[in-house]
Amino acid sequence: MAQDEPTTPGDTKPGDEATPGTPGTGENLCRRCQGTGTLDAEPCPDCRGTGKITSGIGGG
């Protein structure tokens, strides 16, 4: 998805903590599949096969 595209709640994946593009978030490798996008030859349910999740960064 391009940075200038609007995001909607449907853009989130199960492992996401926020909608992609939300300020204060960034992409990380999915912990469940370790970034491969698959588990037992099936798409990872946490990242939906992308190998990445969106989560909060920084703060304080």
C-alpha atoms as a PDB file:
ATOM      1  CA  MET A   1       0.000   0.000   0.000  1.00  0.00           C
ATOM      2  CA  ALA A   2       1.372   3.419  -0.901  1.00  0.00           C
ATOM      3  CA  GLN A   3       1.936   5.995   1.811  1.00  0.00           C
ATOM      4  CA  ASP A   4      -0.600   8.441   0.333  1.00  0.00           C
ATOM      5  CA  GLU A   5      -3.434   5.942   0.228  1.00  0.00           C
ATOM      6  CA  PRO A   6      -6.058   6.365   2.944  1.00  0.00           C
ATOM      7  CA  THR A   7      -6.274   3.581   5.470  1.00  0.00           C
ATOM      8  CA  THR A   8      -9.425   1.982   6.775  1.00  0.00           C
ATOM      9  CA  PRO A   9     -10.112  -0.393   9.647  1.00  0.00           C
ATOM     10  CA  GLY A  10     -10.187  -3.197   7.052  1.00  0.00           C
ATOM     11  CA  ASP A  11      -6.480  -2.584   6.368  1.00  0.00           C
ATOM     12  CA  THR A  12      -5.460  -3.973   9.745  1.00  0.00           C
ATOM     13  CA  LYS A  13      -4.303  -7.548  10.162  1.00  0.00           C
ATOM     14  CA  PRO A  14      -4.830  -9.644  13.302  1.00  0.00           C
ATOM     15  CA  GLY A  15      -1.298  -8.928  14.619  1.00  0.00           C
ATOM     16  CA  ASP A  16      -1.573  -5.184  14.017  1.00  0.00           C
ATOM     17  CA  GLU A  17      -1.819  -2.853  16.971  1.00  0.00           C
ATOM     18  CA  ALA A  18      -2.822   0.048  14.711  1.00  0.00           C
ATOM     19  CA  THR A  19      -4.001   0.830  11.194  1.00  0.00           C
ATOM     20  CA  PRO A  20      -1.074   1.136   8.759  1.00  0.00           C
ATOM     21  CA  GLY A  21      -0.038   4.766   8.360  1.00  0.00           C
ATOM     22  CA  THR A  22      -1.086   5.796  11.865  1.00  0.00           C
ATOM     23  CA  PRO A  23       1.380   8.346  13.289  1.00  0.00           C
ATOM     24  CA  GLY A  24       3.675   6.775  15.881  1.00  0.00           C
ATOM     25  CA  THR A  25       3.567   3.317  14.314  1.00  0.00           C
ATOM     26  CA  GLY A  26       5.911   1.298  12.145  1.00  0.00           C
ATOM     27  CA  GLU A  27       6.194  -2.042  10.406  1.00  0.00           C
ATOM     28  CA  ASN A  28       7.819  -4.918  12.240  1.00  0.00           C
ATOM     29  CA  LEU A  29       8.405  -8.551  11.392  1.00  0.00           C
ATOM     30  CA  CYS A  30       5.613 -10.808  12.537  1.00  0.00           C
ATOM     31  CA  ARG A  31       6.692 -12.631  15.678  1.00  0.00           C
ATOM     32  CA  ARG A  32       4.497 -15.644  15.078  1.00  0.00           C
ATOM     33  CA  CYS A  33       5.947 -16.589  11.672  1.00  0.00           C
ATOM     34  CA  GLN A  34       9.256 -14.737  12.155  1.00  0.00           C
ATOM     35  CA  GLY A  35       8.651 -12.714   8.983  1.00  0.00           C
ATOM     36  CA  THR A  36       8.190 -15.653   6.621  1.00  0.00           C
ATOM     37  CA  GLY A  37       4.445 -15.141   6.177  1.00  0.00           C
ATOM     38  CA  THR A  38       3.748 -18.870   6.529  1.00  0.00           C
ATOM     39  CA  LEU A  39       3.186 -21.445   9.248  1.00  0.00           C
ATOM     40  CA  ASP A  40       3.011 -25.117   8.325  1.00  0.00           C
ATOM     41  CA  ALA A  41       2.751 -24.224   4.597  1.00  0.00           C
ATOM     42  CA  GLU A  42      -0.305 -22.009   5.271  1.00  0.00           C
ATOM     43  CA  PRO A  43      -0.535 -18.188   5.433  1.00  0.00           C
ATOM     44  CA  CYS A  44       0.200 -16.922   8.942  1.00  0.00           C
ATOM     45  CA  PRO A  45      -3.048 -15.877  10.657  1.00  0.00           C
ATOM     46  CA  ASP A  46      -1.396 -12.967  12.486  1.00  0.00           C
ATOM     47  CA  CYS A  47       0.048 -11.165   9.444  1.00  0.00           C
ATOM     48  CA  ARG A  48      -2.160 -12.737   6.759  1.00  0.00           C
ATOM     49  CA  GLY A  49       0.906 -13.975   4.916  1.00  0.00           C
ATOM     50  CA  THR A  50       2.725 -10.642   4.633  1.00  0.00           C
ATOM     51  CA  GLY A  51       5.373 -11.379   7.260  1.00  0.00           C
ATOM     52  CA  LYS A  52       4.866  -7.897   8.728  1.00  0.00           C
ATOM     53  CA  ILE A  53       2.667  -6.258  11.344  1.00  0.00           C
ATOM     54  CA  THR A  54       2.069  -2.607  12.249  1.00  0.00           C
ATOM     55  CA  SER A  55       2.794  -1.707  15.867  1.00  0.00           C
ATOM     56  CA  GLY A  56       3.396   1.326  18.044  1.00  0.00           C
ATOM     57  CA  ILE A  57       6.928   2.699  18.334  1.00  0.00           C
ATOM     58  CA  GLY A  58       8.645   5.061  20.735  1.00  0.00           C
ATOM     59  CA  GLY A  59       6.612   6.966  23.249  1.00  0.00           C
ATOM     60  CA  GLY A  60       7.275   7.965  26.702  1.00  0.00           C
END
